[in-house]
């Protein structure tokens, strides 16, 4: 999904679920104190539900959530990683397998 579409989804979550007017994509939402810990958990849950994406909590960094733009970039990166997994979701498809599949 293109980053602009992901930003639109996040802005909709801010507006409809969190009842917060979405800031500009580059506004630091942590410094602006727009989200508390419950708001952040709700945001993560809603992103997973809307985009069908599992967020790997153990590898997330606070800095990835400083702005809507950074969140969108993280999601685009995670989606790209998901698409790079093999059919069972066990890991990246090897170069040999990609060649055999004609990809």
C-alpha atoms as a PDB file:
ATOM      1  CA  UNK A   1       0.000   0.000   0.000  1.00  0.00           C
ATOM      2  CA  UNK A   2       1.429   3.415  -0.869  1.00  0.00           C
ATOM      3  CA  UNK A   3       2.554   5.624   2.017  1.00  0.00           C
ATOM      4  CA  UNK A   4      -0.095   8.254   1.226  1.00  0.00           C
ATOM      5  CA  UNK A   5      -2.848   5.634   1.614  1.00  0.00           C
ATOM      6  CA  UNK A   6      -1.376   4.456   4.917  1.00  0.00           C
ATOM      7  CA  UNK A   7      -1.278   8.068   6.157  1.00  0.00           C
ATOM      8  CA  UNK A   8      -4.975   8.396   5.251  1.00  0.00           C
ATOM      9  CA  UNK A   9      -5.796   5.255   7.274  1.00  0.00           C
ATOM     10  CA  UNK A  10      -3.844   6.545  10.288  1.00  0.00           C
ATOM     11  CA  UNK A  11      -5.514   9.944  10.053  1.00  0.00           C
ATOM     12  CA  UNK A  12      -8.918   8.237   9.967  1.00  0.00           C
ATOM     13  CA  UNK A  13      -8.004   6.220  13.095  1.00  0.00           C
ATOM     14  CA  UNK A  14      -6.957   9.423  14.868  1.00  0.00           C
ATOM     15  CA  UNK A  15     -10.207  11.099  13.900  1.00  0.00           C
ATOM     16  CA  UNK A  16     -12.775   8.323  14.261  1.00  0.00           C
ATOM     17  CA  UNK A  17     -11.369   6.027  16.952  1.00  0.00           C
ATOM     18  CA  UNK A  18      -9.189   8.277  19.080  1.00  0.00           C
ATOM     19  CA  UNK A  19     -11.357  11.401  18.616  1.00  0.00           C
ATOM     20  CA  UNK A  20      -8.221  13.449  17.975  1.00  0.00           C
ATOM     21  CA  UNK A  21      -7.860  15.833  15.071  1.00  0.00           C
ATOM     22  CA  UNK A  22      -4.999  14.269  13.125  1.00  0.00           C
ATOM     23  CA  UNK A  23      -1.881  16.429  13.103  1.00  0.00           C
ATOM     24  CA  UNK A  24       0.182  17.024   9.979  1.00  0.00           C
ATOM     25  CA  UNK A  25       2.214  13.931   9.048  1.00  0.00           C
ATOM     26  CA  UNK A  26       5.473  15.477  10.304  1.00  0.00           C
ATOM     27  CA  UNK A  27       4.212  16.752  13.709  1.00  0.00           C
ATOM     28  CA  UNK A  28       5.846  14.976  16.659  1.00  0.00           C
ATOM     29  CA  UNK A  29       2.819  13.419  18.365  1.00  0.00           C
ATOM     30  CA  UNK A  30       4.851  12.453  21.432  1.00  0.00           C
ATOM     31  CA  UNK A  31       6.227  15.951  22.059  1.00  0.00           C
ATOM     32  CA  UNK A  32       2.756  17.367  21.381  1.00  0.00           C
ATOM     33  CA  UNK A  33       1.343  14.918  23.982  1.00  0.00           C
ATOM     34  CA  UNK A  34      -1.431  13.839  21.618  1.00  0.00           C
ATOM     35  CA  UNK A  35      -1.340  10.188  22.728  1.00  0.00           C
ATOM     36  CA  UNK A  36      -1.055   8.594  26.143  1.00  0.00           C
ATOM     37  CA  UNK A  37      -0.095   4.929  26.593  1.00  0.00           C
ATOM     38  CA  UNK A  38      -3.693   3.738  26.140  1.00  0.00           C
ATOM     39  CA  UNK A  39      -4.012   5.849  22.996  1.00  0.00           C
ATOM     40  CA  UNK A  40      -0.838   4.310  21.593  1.00  0.00           C
ATOM     41  CA  UNK A  41      -2.071   0.776  22.286  1.00  0.00           C
ATOM     42  CA  UNK A  42      -5.415   1.629  20.684  1.00  0.00           C
ATOM     43  CA  UNK A  43      -3.625   3.076  17.655  1.00  0.00           C
ATOM     44  CA  UNK A  44      -1.517  -0.088  17.267  1.00  0.00           C
ATOM     45  CA  UNK A  45      -4.590  -2.310  17.575  1.00  0.00           C
ATOM     46  CA  UNK A  46      -6.569  -0.291  15.041  1.00  0.00           C
ATOM     47  CA  UNK A  47      -3.663  -0.272  12.565  1.00  0.00           C
ATOM     48  CA  UNK A  48      -3.427  -4.056  12.827  1.00  0.00           C
ATOM     49  CA  UNK A  49      -7.187  -4.407  12.318  1.00  0.00           C
ATOM     50  CA  UNK A  50      -7.456  -1.935   9.425  1.00  0.00           C
ATOM     51  CA  UNK A  51      -4.405  -3.153   7.527  1.00  0.00           C
ATOM     52  CA  UNK A  52      -4.305  -6.827   8.497  1.00  0.00           C
ATOM     53  CA  UNK A  53      -0.766  -6.355   9.730  1.00  0.00           C
ATOM     54  CA  UNK A  54       0.851  -7.929  12.768  1.00  0.00           C
ATOM     55  CA  UNK A  55       3.068  -5.362  14.512  1.00  0.00           C
ATOM     56  CA  UNK A  56       6.145  -7.078  16.027  1.00  0.00           C
ATOM     57  CA  UNK A  57       6.050  -5.450  19.470  1.00  0.00           C
ATOM     58  CA  UNK A  58       9.509  -6.684  20.432  1.00  0.00           C
ATOM     59  CA  UNK A  59      11.133  -4.765  17.600  1.00  0.00           C
ATOM     60  CA  UNK A  60       9.142  -1.518  17.740  1.00  0.00           C
ATOM     61  CA  UNK A  61      10.881   1.671  18.798  1.00  0.00           C
ATOM     62  CA  UNK A  62       9.244   4.768  20.283  1.00  0.00           C
ATOM     63  CA  UNK A  63      10.897   6.874  17.578  1.00  0.00           C
ATOM     64  CA  UNK A  64       8.905   4.925  14.946  1.00  0.00           C
ATOM     65  CA  UNK A  65       5.757   6.512  16.439  1.00  0.00           C
ATOM     66  CA  UNK A  66       6.851  10.145  16.711  1.00  0.00           C
ATOM     67  CA  UNK A  67       4.727  11.241  13.758  1.00  0.00           C
ATOM     68  CA  UNK A  68       2.049   9.945  11.450  1.00  0.00           C
ATOM     69  CA  UNK A  69       4.594  10.022   8.620  1.00  0.00           C
ATOM     70  CA  UNK A  70       7.052   7.843  10.569  1.00  0.00           C
ATOM     71  CA  UNK A  71       4.287   5.410  11.498  1.00  0.00           C
ATOM     72  CA  UNK A  72       3.288   5.191   7.833  1.00  0.00           C
ATOM     73  CA  UNK A  73       6.887   4.491   6.772  1.00  0.00           C
ATOM     74  CA  UNK A  74       7.135   1.750   9.396  1.00  0.00           C
ATOM     75  CA  UNK A  75       3.927   0.152   8.124  1.00  0.00           C
ATOM     76  CA  UNK A  76       5.058   0.306   4.487  1.00  0.00           C
ATOM     77  CA  UNK A  77       8.349  -1.337   5.520  1.00  0.00           C
ATOM     78  CA  UNK A  78       6.555  -4.066   7.506  1.00  0.00           C
ATOM     79  CA  UNK A  79       4.184  -4.728   4.613  1.00  0.00           C
ATOM     80  CA  UNK A  80       7.158  -5.063   2.248  1.00  0.00           C
ATOM     81  CA  UNK A  81       8.790  -7.517   4.667  1.00  0.00           C
ATOM     82  CA  UNK A  82       5.537  -9.507   4.848  1.00  0.00           C
ATOM     83  CA  UNK A  83       5.414  -9.738   1.054  1.00  0.00           C
ATOM     84  CA  UNK A  84       8.995 -11.051   1.037  1.00  0.00           C
ATOM     85  CA  UNK A  85       8.100 -14.105   3.124  1.00  0.00           C
ATOM     86  CA  UNK A  86       7.646 -17.523   1.593  1.00  0.00           C
ATOM     87  CA  UNK A  87       4.309 -19.261   1.222  1.00  0.00           C
ATOM     88  CA  UNK A  88       4.219 -20.601   4.789  1.00  0.00           C
ATOM     89  CA  UNK A  89       5.299 -17.268   6.244  1.00  0.00           C
ATOM     90  CA  UNK A  90       8.414 -18.919   7.616  1.00  0.00           C
ATOM     91  CA  UNK A  91      10.918 -16.380   6.368  1.00  0.00           C
ATOM     92  CA  UNK A  92      12.333 -14.613   3.342  1.00  0.00           C
ATOM     93  CA  UNK A  93      12.209 -16.442   0.052  1.00  0.00           C
ATOM     94  CA  UNK A  94      15.719 -17.378  -1.008  1.00  0.00           C
ATOM     95  CA  UNK A  95      17.164 -16.133  -4.288  1.00  0.00           C
ATOM     96  CA  UNK A  96      17.227 -19.735  -5.561  1.00  0.00           C
ATOM     97  CA  UNK A  97      13.543 -20.198  -4.798  1.00  0.00           C
ATOM     98  CA  UNK A  98      12.639 -16.876  -6.401  1.00  0.00           C
ATOM     99  CA  UNK A  99      14.456 -17.991  -9.544  1.00  0.00           C
ATOM    100  CA  UNK A 100      12.602 -21.309  -9.517  1.00  0.00           C
ATOM    101  CA  UNK A 101       9.308 -19.463  -9.156  1.00  0.00           C
ATOM    102  CA  UNK A 102      10.178 -17.071 -11.960  1.00  0.00           C
ATOM    103  CA  UNK A 103      10.013 -14.008  -9.713  1.00  0.00           C
END
